[in-house]
Amino acid sequence: MDRNSGGHRRQVVLACVRSLLTATLLVAAYYLLPMDSAFTPATALALVGGIAAVTVLMGWQIYRITLSPRPGLKAMEAMTITVPLFILLYATACFLMEHSAPGSFSEPLSRTDALYFAMTVFSTVGFGDITARSEPARLLTTGQITLNLLLLGVAARLLANAVQRGRERRDQSPGPGGGGSAPPAP
């Protein structure tokens, strides 16, 4: 085993730990932060702002991937930040909507129920046990489905392109790991 493979393993472990910690902190914040306000136009604007922030975050992460010596690892970290944040934004919106307009969904939503609903919509599983009943809830869910498709299709493609550009940049640069002589890294 050469020193480079040991360094690679260490980077993989650190990337996994950072990803796990980030996802854990996001979920903890979702459960611990107070959510006692109603779903209002300001809440809808906050959701749009959150989605814009996720978009900006994704753009910044794509830029960082292209500069990284390990673009595959950076892309994995990008997805483990972006996807949970996106799902939690929608879980929060569903939770607030149900609490400000009971009956918006087929059953009252706890935070866990709202997270479950947002996750089933994201994964396109749609078990049908919780459904959007009111027109605003259906619009919210339709918006999530639309953005899910964009996140899964467009963002995944942008990440893949960034990984490819990052690997090309790394392989063309002189020094350790550059110049085309290094084995491909994830």
N, C-alpha and C. Protein backbone atom coordinates (compact mmCIF):
# COMPACT_ATOMS: atom_id res chain seq x y z
N MET A 1 0.85 -1.19 0.00
CA MET A 1 0.00 0.00 0.00
C MET A 1 0.89 1.23 0.00
N ASP A 2 0.71 2.09 -0.98
CA ASP A 2 1.52 3.30 -1.00
C ASP A 2 0.85 4.40 -0.18
N ARG A 3 1.60 5.43 0.03
CA ARG A 3 1.14 6.53 0.87
C ARG A 3 -0.08 7.23 0.27
N ASN A 4 -0.13 7.30 -1.04
CA ASN A 4 -1.24 7.97 -1.71
C ASN A 4 -2.57 7.27 -1.45
N SER A 5 -2.59 5.92 -1.46
CA SER A 5 -3.86 5.23 -1.22
C SER A 5 -4.31 5.41 0.22
N GLY A 6 -3.37 5.50 1.16
CA GLY A 6 -3.73 5.79 2.55
C GLY A 6 -4.31 7.18 2.69
N GLY A 7 -3.74 8.14 1.97
CA GLY A 7 -4.27 9.51 1.98
C GLY A 7 -5.64 9.56 1.34
N HIS A 8 -5.82 8.77 0.30
CA HIS A 8 -7.13 8.72 -0.36
C HIS A 8 -8.18 8.15 0.58
N ARG A 9 -7.85 7.08 1.26
CA ARG A 9 -8.80 6.49 2.21
C ARG A 9 -9.17 7.49 3.30
N ARG A 10 -8.18 8.21 3.77
CA ARG A 10 -8.43 9.22 4.81
C ARG A 10 -9.38 10.29 4.29
N GLN A 11 -9.17 10.74 3.05
CA GLN A 11 -10.05 11.76 2.47
C GLN A 11 -11.47 11.23 2.30
N VAL A 12 -11.61 9.96 1.91
CA VAL A 12 -12.93 9.36 1.77
C VAL A 12 -13.63 9.31 3.12
N VAL A 13 -12.90 8.87 4.14
CA VAL A 13 -13.49 8.78 5.48
C VAL A 13 -13.90 10.17 5.97
N LEU A 14 -13.03 11.16 5.79
CA LEU A 14 -13.36 12.53 6.22
C LEU A 14 -14.56 13.08 5.46
N ALA A 15 -14.64 12.82 4.16
CA ALA A 15 -15.78 13.28 3.38
C ALA A 15 -17.07 12.62 3.88
N CYS A 16 -17.01 11.34 4.18
CA CYS A 16 -18.20 10.64 4.70
C CYS A 16 -18.61 11.18 6.06
N VAL A 17 -17.64 11.43 6.92
CA VAL A 17 -17.93 11.96 8.26
C VAL A 17 -18.53 13.37 8.15
N ARG A 18 -17.94 14.22 7.30
CA ARG A 18 -18.48 15.57 7.10
C ARG A 18 -19.91 15.51 6.58
N SER A 19 -20.15 14.62 5.63
CA SER A 19 -21.49 14.47 5.05
C SER A 19 -22.50 14.01 6.10
N LEU A 20 -22.12 13.02 6.86
CA LEU A 20 -23.00 12.49 7.90
C LEU A 20 -23.29 13.55 8.96
N LEU A 21 -22.26 14.27 9.38
CA LEU A 21 -22.46 15.33 10.37
C LEU A 21 -23.36 16.44 9.85
N THR A 22 -23.16 16.83 8.61
CA THR A 22 -23.98 17.88 8.02
C THR A 22 -25.44 17.45 7.96
N ALA A 23 -25.70 16.24 7.45
CA ALA A 23 -27.07 15.74 7.37
C ALA A 23 -27.69 15.64 8.76
N THR A 24 -26.91 15.17 9.73
CA THR A 24 -27.40 15.05 11.10
C THR A 24 -27.75 16.41 11.68
N LEU A 25 -26.90 17.41 11.46
CA LEU A 25 -27.16 18.76 11.96
C LEU A 25 -28.41 19.36 11.30
N LEU A 26 -28.59 19.12 10.02
CA LEU A 26 -29.78 19.64 9.34
C LEU A 26 -31.06 19.02 9.91
N VAL A 27 -31.05 17.71 10.10
CA VAL A 27 -32.23 17.03 10.65
C VAL A 27 -32.46 17.47 12.10
N ALA A 28 -31.39 17.60 12.87
CA ALA A 28 -31.53 18.06 14.26
C ALA A 28 -32.13 19.46 14.30
N ALA A 29 -31.67 20.33 13.42
CA ALA A 29 -32.23 21.69 13.36
C ALA A 29 -33.71 21.65 13.01
N TYR A 30 -34.08 20.79 12.09
CA TYR A 30 -35.49 20.65 11.71
C TYR A 30 -36.35 20.27 12.91
N TYR A 31 -35.86 19.37 13.73
CA TYR A 31 -36.64 18.93 14.88
C TYR A 31 -36.55 19.88 16.07
N LEU A 32 -35.45 20.61 16.20
CA LEU A 32 -35.24 21.42 17.39
C LEU A 32 -35.65 22.89 17.26
N LEU A 33 -35.59 23.43 16.05
CA LEU A 33 -35.95 24.83 15.89
C LEU A 33 -37.45 25.02 16.05
N PRO A 34 -37.85 26.11 16.67
CA PRO A 34 -39.29 26.34 16.85
C PRO A 34 -39.97 26.59 15.50
N MET A 35 -41.10 25.94 15.33
CA MET A 35 -41.91 26.16 14.12
C MET A 35 -43.35 26.35 14.56
N ASP A 36 -43.61 27.52 15.10
CA ASP A 36 -44.95 27.78 15.59
C ASP A 36 -45.65 28.88 14.81
N SER A 37 -45.06 29.30 13.71
CA SER A 37 -45.72 30.32 12.90
C SER A 37 -46.64 29.65 11.89
N ALA A 38 -47.52 30.43 11.34
CA ALA A 38 -48.45 29.92 10.34
C ALA A 38 -47.81 29.94 8.96
N PHE A 39 -48.39 29.21 8.04
CA PHE A 39 -47.96 29.26 6.65
C PHE A 39 -48.62 30.49 6.03
N THR A 40 -47.81 31.49 5.80
CA THR A 40 -48.29 32.78 5.30
C THR A 40 -47.57 33.10 4.00
N PRO A 41 -47.93 34.20 3.36
CA PRO A 41 -47.14 34.61 2.19
C PRO A 41 -45.66 34.79 2.53
N ALA A 42 -45.37 35.23 3.75
CA ALA A 42 -43.97 35.36 4.15
C ALA A 42 -43.30 33.98 4.22
N THR A 43 -44.04 32.97 4.66
CA THR A 43 -43.50 31.61 4.69
C THR A 43 -43.23 31.12 3.28
N ALA A 44 -44.16 31.40 2.36
CA ALA A 44 -43.96 31.02 0.96
C ALA A 44 -42.73 31.70 0.38
N LEU A 45 -42.55 32.98 0.72
CA LEU A 45 -41.35 33.70 0.26
C LEU A 45 -40.09 33.12 0.88
N ALA A 46 -40.18 32.70 2.14
CA ALA A 46 -39.03 32.07 2.79
C ALA A 46 -38.68 30.75 2.10
N LEU A 47 -39.72 30.00 1.68
CA LEU A 47 -39.48 28.76 0.95
C LEU A 47 -38.79 29.05 -0.39
N VAL A 48 -39.28 30.05 -1.10
CA VAL A 48 -38.65 30.44 -2.37
C VAL A 48 -37.21 30.89 -2.12
N GLY A 49 -37.01 31.66 -1.05
CA GLY A 49 -35.65 32.07 -0.70
C GLY A 49 -34.77 30.89 -0.35
N GLY A 50 -35.33 29.91 0.36
CA GLY A 50 -34.58 28.70 0.68
C GLY A 50 -34.19 27.93 -0.56
N ILE A 51 -35.11 27.84 -1.51
CA ILE A 51 -34.81 27.14 -2.76
C ILE A 51 -33.75 27.91 -3.54
N ALA A 52 -33.83 29.23 -3.53
CA ALA A 52 -32.80 30.05 -4.18
C ALA A 52 -31.45 29.82 -3.50
N ALA A 53 -31.46 29.73 -2.16
CA ALA A 53 -30.21 29.48 -1.43
C ALA A 53 -29.64 28.10 -1.79
N VAL A 54 -30.51 27.10 -1.94
CA VAL A 54 -30.06 25.77 -2.35
C VAL A 54 -29.44 25.84 -3.74
N THR A 55 -30.04 26.63 -4.63
CA THR A 55 -29.52 26.79 -5.99
C THR A 55 -28.14 27.46 -5.97
N VAL A 56 -28.01 28.51 -5.18
CA VAL A 56 -26.72 29.20 -5.06
C VAL A 56 -25.69 28.26 -4.44
N LEU A 57 -26.09 27.52 -3.40
CA LEU A 57 -25.20 26.54 -2.77
C LEU A 57 -24.73 25.50 -3.79
N MET A 58 -25.65 25.02 -4.61
CA MET A 58 -25.30 24.04 -5.63
C MET A 58 -24.31 24.63 -6.63
N GLY A 59 -24.53 25.86 -7.05
CA GLY A 59 -23.60 26.53 -7.96
C GLY A 59 -22.21 26.66 -7.36
N TRP A 60 -22.16 27.06 -6.11
CA TRP A 60 -20.87 27.20 -5.42
C TRP A 60 -20.20 25.83 -5.29
N GLN A 61 -20.98 24.80 -4.98
CA GLN A 61 -20.41 23.46 -4.86
C GLN A 61 -19.89 22.96 -6.20
N ILE A 62 -20.58 23.26 -7.29
CA ILE A 62 -20.12 22.86 -8.62
C ILE A 62 -18.78 23.52 -8.91
N TYR A 63 -18.65 24.80 -8.59
CA TYR A 63 -17.39 25.50 -8.77
C TYR A 63 -16.28 24.83 -7.96
N ARG A 64 -16.56 24.50 -6.70
CA ARG A 64 -15.57 23.86 -5.83
C ARG A 64 -15.19 22.47 -6.34
N ILE A 65 -16.14 21.75 -6.92
CA ILE A 65 -15.86 20.42 -7.47
C ILE A 65 -14.83 20.52 -8.59
N THR A 66 -14.99 21.53 -9.45
CA THR A 66 -14.07 21.66 -10.58
C THR A 66 -12.64 21.97 -10.13
N LEU A 67 -12.49 22.54 -8.94
CA LEU A 67 -11.16 22.88 -8.42
C LEU A 67 -10.57 21.81 -7.51
N SER A 68 -11.34 20.84 -7.14
CA SER A 68 -10.93 19.85 -6.15
C SER A 68 -10.01 18.79 -6.76
N PRO A 69 -9.01 18.35 -5.99
CA PRO A 69 -8.20 17.22 -6.45
C PRO A 69 -8.98 15.91 -6.41
N ARG A 70 -10.08 15.88 -5.68
CA ARG A 70 -10.95 14.69 -5.58
C ARG A 70 -12.38 15.12 -5.92
N PRO A 71 -12.65 15.41 -7.19
CA PRO A 71 -13.98 15.93 -7.56
C PRO A 71 -15.12 14.96 -7.26
N GLY A 72 -14.90 13.67 -7.35
CA GLY A 72 -15.96 12.71 -7.04
C GLY A 72 -16.40 12.80 -5.59
N LEU A 73 -15.44 12.95 -4.70
CA LEU A 73 -15.76 13.09 -3.27
C LEU A 73 -16.50 14.39 -3.01
N LYS A 74 -16.06 15.45 -3.65
CA LYS A 74 -16.74 16.75 -3.47
C LYS A 74 -18.18 16.68 -3.98
N ALA A 75 -18.41 15.97 -5.08
CA ALA A 75 -19.76 15.84 -5.61
C ALA A 75 -20.64 15.06 -4.64
N MET A 76 -20.08 14.01 -4.03
CA MET A 76 -20.83 13.23 -3.05
C MET A 76 -21.20 14.12 -1.86
N GLU A 77 -20.26 14.91 -1.41
CA GLU A 77 -20.55 15.83 -0.30
C GLU A 77 -21.60 16.86 -0.70
N ALA A 78 -21.53 17.34 -1.93
CA ALA A 78 -22.50 18.32 -2.40
C ALA A 78 -23.91 17.75 -2.35
N MET A 79 -24.07 16.52 -2.79
CA MET A 79 -25.41 15.91 -2.78
C MET A 79 -25.88 15.63 -1.36
N THR A 80 -24.97 15.29 -0.46
CA THR A 80 -25.40 14.99 0.91
C THR A 80 -25.72 16.25 1.71
N ILE A 81 -25.43 17.39 1.15
CA ILE A 81 -25.85 18.65 1.75
C ILE A 81 -27.13 19.14 1.07
N THR A 82 -27.12 19.11 -0.25
CA THR A 82 -28.21 19.68 -1.03
C THR A 82 -29.52 18.92 -0.88
N VAL A 83 -29.49 17.61 -1.01
CA VAL A 83 -30.74 16.83 -0.98
C VAL A 83 -31.43 16.92 0.38
N PRO A 84 -30.73 16.66 1.50
CA PRO A 84 -31.44 16.79 2.78
C PRO A 84 -31.97 18.21 3.02
N LEU A 85 -31.20 19.22 2.66
CA LEU A 85 -31.65 20.60 2.84
C LEU A 85 -32.92 20.85 2.02
N PHE A 86 -32.93 20.40 0.80
CA PHE A 86 -34.09 20.56 -0.08
C PHE A 86 -35.32 19.85 0.51
N ILE A 87 -35.15 18.62 0.93
CA ILE A 87 -36.28 17.85 1.49
C ILE A 87 -36.77 18.50 2.79
N LEU A 88 -35.84 18.95 3.62
CA LEU A 88 -36.24 19.58 4.88
C LEU A 88 -36.97 20.90 4.67
N LEU A 89 -36.61 21.63 3.62
CA LEU A 89 -37.35 22.86 3.29
C LEU A 89 -38.81 22.52 3.01
N TYR A 90 -39.03 21.49 2.22
CA TYR A 90 -40.41 21.11 1.90
C TYR A 90 -41.12 20.49 3.09
N ALA A 91 -40.42 19.74 3.90
CA ALA A 91 -41.05 19.17 5.10
C ALA A 91 -41.51 20.31 6.01
N THR A 92 -40.69 21.33 6.15
CA THR A 92 -41.05 22.48 6.97
C THR A 92 -42.29 23.17 6.41
N ALA A 93 -42.31 23.39 5.10
CA ALA A 93 -43.46 24.04 4.47
C ALA A 93 -44.73 23.22 4.67
N CYS A 94 -44.64 21.90 4.50
CA CYS A 94 -45.82 21.04 4.70
C CYS A 94 -46.29 21.10 6.15
N PHE A 95 -45.35 21.02 7.08
CA PHE A 95 -45.69 21.07 8.50
C PHE A 95 -46.40 22.37 8.85
N LEU A 96 -45.84 23.50 8.39
CA LEU A 96 -46.43 24.80 8.69
C LEU A 96 -47.78 24.96 8.01
N MET A 97 -47.90 24.46 6.79
CA MET A 97 -49.18 24.57 6.09
C MET A 97 -50.27 23.80 6.81
N GLU A 98 -49.96 22.57 7.22
CA GLU A 98 -50.97 21.75 7.91
C GLU A 98 -51.36 22.37 9.24
N HIS A 99 -50.40 23.00 9.92
CA HIS A 99 -50.72 23.58 11.22
C HIS A 99 -51.45 24.91 11.12
N SER A 100 -51.29 25.62 10.01
CA SER A 100 -52.02 26.87 9.86
C SER A 100 -53.36 26.66 9.14
N ALA A 101 -53.47 25.57 8.39
CA ALA A 101 -54.73 25.25 7.70
C ALA A 101 -54.99 23.76 7.85
N PRO A 102 -55.46 23.34 9.03
CA PRO A 102 -55.70 21.90 9.24
C PRO A 102 -56.62 21.34 8.15
N GLY A 103 -56.30 20.12 7.73
CA GLY A 103 -57.06 19.49 6.66
C GLY A 103 -56.40 19.67 5.30
N SER A 104 -55.27 20.40 5.26
CA SER A 104 -54.56 20.55 3.99
C SER A 104 -54.05 19.21 3.47
N PHE A 105 -53.79 18.31 4.40
CA PHE A 105 -53.33 16.97 4.06
C PHE A 105 -54.33 15.96 4.62
N SER A 106 -54.23 14.74 4.18
CA SER A 106 -55.23 13.73 4.54
C SER A 106 -55.21 13.37 6.02
N GLU A 107 -54.18 13.77 6.72
CA GLU A 107 -54.11 13.57 8.17
C GLU A 107 -53.27 14.68 8.76
N PRO A 108 -53.43 14.95 10.05
CA PRO A 108 -52.57 15.95 10.69
C PRO A 108 -51.11 15.53 10.59
N LEU A 109 -50.24 16.49 10.38
CA LEU A 109 -48.82 16.18 10.19
C LEU A 109 -47.99 16.60 11.40
N SER A 110 -47.31 15.66 11.98
CA SER A 110 -46.25 15.98 12.94
C SER A 110 -45.02 16.33 12.11
N ARG A 111 -43.95 16.71 12.74
CA ARG A 111 -42.72 16.98 11.99
C ARG A 111 -42.26 15.73 11.26
N THR A 112 -42.36 14.59 11.93
CA THR A 112 -41.95 13.34 11.30
C THR A 112 -42.85 13.00 10.12
N ASP A 113 -44.16 13.20 10.28
CA ASP A 113 -45.09 12.96 9.17
C ASP A 113 -44.77 13.86 7.98
N ALA A 114 -44.49 15.13 8.25
CA ALA A 114 -44.17 16.07 7.18
C ALA A 114 -42.87 15.67 6.48
N LEU A 115 -41.89 15.24 7.25
CA LEU A 115 -40.63 14.78 6.67
C LEU A 115 -40.87 13.52 5.83
N TYR A 116 -41.66 12.62 6.35
CA TYR A 116 -42.01 11.39 5.64
C TYR A 116 -42.72 11.73 4.32
N PHE A 117 -43.67 12.64 4.35
CA PHE A 117 -44.40 13.03 3.15
C PHE A 117 -43.44 13.65 2.14
N ALA A 118 -42.60 14.59 2.58
CA ALA A 118 -41.65 15.24 1.67
C ALA A 118 -40.70 14.21 1.06
N MET A 119 -40.29 13.24 1.85
CA MET A 119 -39.37 12.22 1.35
C MET A 119 -40.07 11.29 0.36
N THR A 120 -41.32 10.92 0.62
CA THR A 120 -42.01 10.04 -0.34
C THR A 120 -42.28 10.78 -1.65
N VAL A 121 -42.56 12.07 -1.57
CA VAL A 121 -42.74 12.85 -2.80
C VAL A 121 -41.41 12.97 -3.53
N PHE A 122 -40.33 13.22 -2.80
CA PHE A 122 -39.01 13.35 -3.43
C PHE A 122 -38.60 12.06 -4.12
N SER A 123 -38.83 10.95 -3.45
CA SER A 123 -38.39 9.66 -3.99
C SER A 123 -39.35 9.11 -5.03
N THR A 124 -40.43 9.82 -5.28
CA THR A 124 -41.49 9.44 -6.22
C THR A 124 -42.15 8.11 -5.85
N VAL A 125 -42.04 7.70 -4.60
CA VAL A 125 -42.67 6.47 -4.16
C VAL A 125 -44.16 6.70 -3.99
N GLY A 126 -44.54 7.77 -3.30
CA GLY A 126 -45.93 8.14 -3.14
C GLY A 126 -46.81 7.02 -2.62
N PHE A 127 -46.59 6.61 -1.39
CA PHE A 127 -47.36 5.51 -0.81
C PHE A 127 -48.85 5.77 -0.80
N GLY A 128 -49.26 7.01 -0.73
CA GLY A 128 -50.68 7.34 -0.74
C GLY A 128 -51.31 7.40 0.62
N ASP A 129 -50.54 7.11 1.68
CA ASP A 129 -51.12 7.18 3.02
C ASP A 129 -51.31 8.62 3.47
N ILE A 130 -50.48 9.53 3.01
CA ILE A 130 -50.64 10.95 3.27
C ILE A 130 -50.77 11.61 1.90
N THR A 131 -51.80 12.38 1.72
CA THR A 131 -51.99 13.05 0.44
C THR A 131 -52.31 14.52 0.66
N ALA A 132 -52.00 15.33 -0.32
CA ALA A 132 -52.35 16.74 -0.29
C ALA A 132 -53.82 16.86 -0.64
N ARG A 133 -54.59 17.55 0.21
CA ARG A 133 -56.04 17.65 -0.02
C ARG A 133 -56.46 19.03 -0.47
N SER A 134 -55.88 20.06 0.10
CA SER A 134 -56.29 21.42 -0.26
C SER A 134 -55.54 21.86 -1.51
N GLU A 135 -56.08 22.86 -2.16
CA GLU A 135 -55.43 23.38 -3.36
C GLU A 135 -54.03 23.94 -3.06
N PRO A 136 -53.85 24.72 -1.99
CA PRO A 136 -52.49 25.19 -1.68
C PRO A 136 -51.53 24.03 -1.40
N ALA A 137 -51.99 22.99 -0.71
CA ALA A 137 -51.12 21.84 -0.43
C ALA A 137 -50.76 21.12 -1.72
N ARG A 138 -51.73 21.04 -2.63
CA ARG A 138 -51.44 20.40 -3.92
C ARG A 138 -50.47 21.23 -4.75
N LEU A 139 -50.61 22.54 -4.68
CA LEU A 139 -49.66 23.42 -5.38
C LEU A 139 -48.25 23.27 -4.79
N LEU A 140 -48.18 23.23 -3.47
CA LEU A 140 -46.89 23.04 -2.81
C LEU A 140 -46.26 21.71 -3.24
N THR A 141 -47.05 20.66 -3.25
CA THR A 141 -46.56 19.34 -3.64
C THR A 141 -46.17 19.31 -5.11
N THR A 142 -46.96 19.95 -5.95
CA THR A 142 -46.63 20.03 -7.38
C THR A 142 -45.31 20.77 -7.58
N GLY A 143 -45.13 21.85 -6.82
CA GLY A 143 -43.86 22.58 -6.89
C GLY A 143 -42.68 21.70 -6.48
N GLN A 144 -42.89 20.91 -5.42
CA GLN A 144 -41.82 20.02 -5.00
C GLN A 144 -41.52 18.98 -6.07
N ILE A 145 -42.54 18.39 -6.65
CA ILE A 145 -42.32 17.38 -7.69
C ILE A 145 -41.54 17.98 -8.86
N THR A 146 -41.92 19.18 -9.27
CA THR A 146 -41.24 19.84 -10.38
C THR A 146 -39.77 20.08 -10.04
N LEU A 147 -39.52 20.61 -8.86
CA LEU A 147 -38.14 20.88 -8.46
C LEU A 147 -37.37 19.59 -8.20
N ASN A 148 -38.06 18.54 -7.76
CA ASN A 148 -37.40 17.23 -7.61
C ASN A 148 -36.82 16.79 -8.94
N LEU A 149 -37.63 16.89 -9.99
CA LEU A 149 -37.17 16.48 -11.31
C LEU A 149 -35.97 17.30 -11.76
N LEU A 150 -36.02 18.60 -11.48
CA LEU A 150 -34.88 19.45 -11.83
C LEU A 150 -33.64 19.08 -11.01
N LEU A 151 -33.83 18.86 -9.72
CA LEU A 151 -32.71 18.51 -8.86
C LEU A 151 -32.11 17.17 -9.29
N LEU A 152 -32.96 16.21 -9.53
CA LEU A 152 -32.46 14.89 -9.90
C LEU A 152 -31.88 14.85 -11.30
N GLY A 153 -32.46 15.61 -12.22
CA GLY A 153 -31.98 15.58 -13.59
C GLY A 153 -30.90 16.60 -13.88
N VAL A 154 -31.27 17.86 -13.79
CA VAL A 154 -30.35 18.93 -14.16
C VAL A 154 -29.17 19.02 -13.18
N ALA A 155 -29.46 19.06 -11.89
CA ALA A 155 -28.37 19.20 -10.92
C ALA A 155 -27.44 17.99 -10.96
N ALA A 156 -27.99 16.80 -11.10
CA ALA A 156 -27.13 15.61 -11.18
C ALA A 156 -26.23 15.70 -12.41
N ARG A 157 -26.77 16.16 -13.52
CA ARG A 157 -25.97 16.31 -14.74
C ARG A 157 -24.89 17.38 -14.55
N LEU A 158 -25.25 18.50 -13.93
CA LEU A 158 -24.26 19.54 -13.67
C LEU A 158 -23.15 19.04 -12.75
N LEU A 159 -23.52 18.27 -11.74
CA LEU A 159 -22.50 17.69 -10.86
C LEU A 159 -21.59 16.73 -11.62
N ALA A 160 -22.18 15.90 -12.45
CA ALA A 160 -21.36 14.95 -13.24
C ALA A 160 -20.41 15.70 -14.16
N ASN A 161 -20.89 16.76 -14.80
CA ASN A 161 -20.01 17.57 -15.65
C ASN A 161 -18.90 18.24 -14.84
N ALA A 162 -19.24 18.72 -13.64
CA ALA A 162 -18.23 19.35 -12.79
C ALA A 162 -17.16 18.34 -12.38
N VAL A 163 -17.58 17.12 -12.06
CA VAL A 163 -16.60 16.07 -11.72
C VAL A 163 -15.69 15.82 -12.91
N GLN A 164 -16.26 15.72 -14.10
CA GLN A 164 -15.45 15.48 -15.29
C GLN A 164 -14.47 16.62 -15.52
N ARG A 165 -14.95 17.87 -15.42
CA ARG A 165 -14.05 19.03 -15.59
C ARG A 165 -12.97 19.05 -14.52
N GLY A 166 -13.35 18.72 -13.29
CA GLY A 166 -12.37 18.70 -12.20
C GLY A 166 -11.30 17.65 -12.44
N ARG A 167 -11.70 16.48 -12.91
CA ARG A 167 -10.72 15.43 -13.20
C ARG A 167 -9.81 15.83 -14.36
N GLU A 168 -10.38 16.44 -15.39
CA GLU A 168 -9.57 16.90 -16.52
C GLU A 168 -8.58 17.97 -16.06
N ARG A 169 -9.05 18.91 -15.23
CA ARG A 169 -8.16 19.97 -14.73
C ARG A 169 -7.06 19.38 -13.89
N ARG A 170 -7.41 18.44 -13.01
CA ARG A 170 -6.43 17.80 -12.15
C ARG A 170 -5.40 17.03 -12.98
N ASP A 171 -5.85 16.30 -13.98
CA ASP A 171 -4.94 15.48 -14.79
C ASP A 171 -4.03 16.32 -15.67
N GLN A 172 -4.44 17.55 -15.99
CA GLN A 172 -3.62 18.42 -16.82
C GLN A 172 -2.65 19.28 -16.02
N SER A 173 -2.87 19.38 -14.72
CA SER A 173 -2.00 20.25 -13.92
C SER A 173 -0.73 19.52 -13.52
N PRO A 174 0.40 20.25 -13.51
CA PRO A 174 1.66 19.63 -13.09
C PRO A 174 1.68 19.41 -11.57
N GLY A 175 2.55 18.54 -11.14
CA GLY A 175 2.69 18.29 -9.70
C GLY A 175 2.07 16.96 -9.31
N PRO A 176 2.02 16.69 -8.00
CA PRO A 176 1.48 15.41 -7.53
C PRO A 176 0.03 15.23 -7.98
N GLY A 177 -0.21 14.09 -8.59
CA GLY A 177 -1.57 13.77 -9.02
C GLY A 177 -1.93 14.39 -10.34
N GLY A 178 -1.08 15.26 -10.91
CA GLY A 178 -1.39 15.89 -12.17
C GLY A 178 -0.56 15.29 -13.29
N GLY A 179 -0.68 15.86 -14.47
CA GLY A 179 0.11 15.42 -15.59
C GLY A 179 -0.36 14.14 -16.23
N GLY A 180 -1.49 13.64 -15.85
CA GLY A 180 -2.04 12.45 -16.49
C GLY A 180 -1.47 11.15 -16.05
N SER A 181 -0.52 11.14 -15.10
CA SER A 181 0.10 9.89 -14.70
C SER A 181 -0.54 9.26 -13.47
N ALA A 182 -1.40 10.00 -12.79
CA ALA A 182 -2.01 9.48 -11.57
C ALA A 182 -3.20 8.60 -11.91
N PRO A 183 -3.45 7.58 -11.10
CA PRO A 183 -4.65 6.76 -11.32
C PRO A 183 -5.89 7.60 -11.07
N PRO A 184 -6.98 7.29 -11.76
CA PRO A 184 -8.19 8.08 -11.56
C PRO A 184 -8.68 7.96 -10.13
N ALA A 185 -9.18 9.08 -9.62
CA ALA A 185 -9.71 9.14 -8.26
C ALA A 185 -11.20 9.40 -8.34
N PRO A 186 -11.95 8.95 -7.35
CA PRO A 186 -13.39 9.21 -7.37
C PRO A 186 -13.69 10.68 -7.24
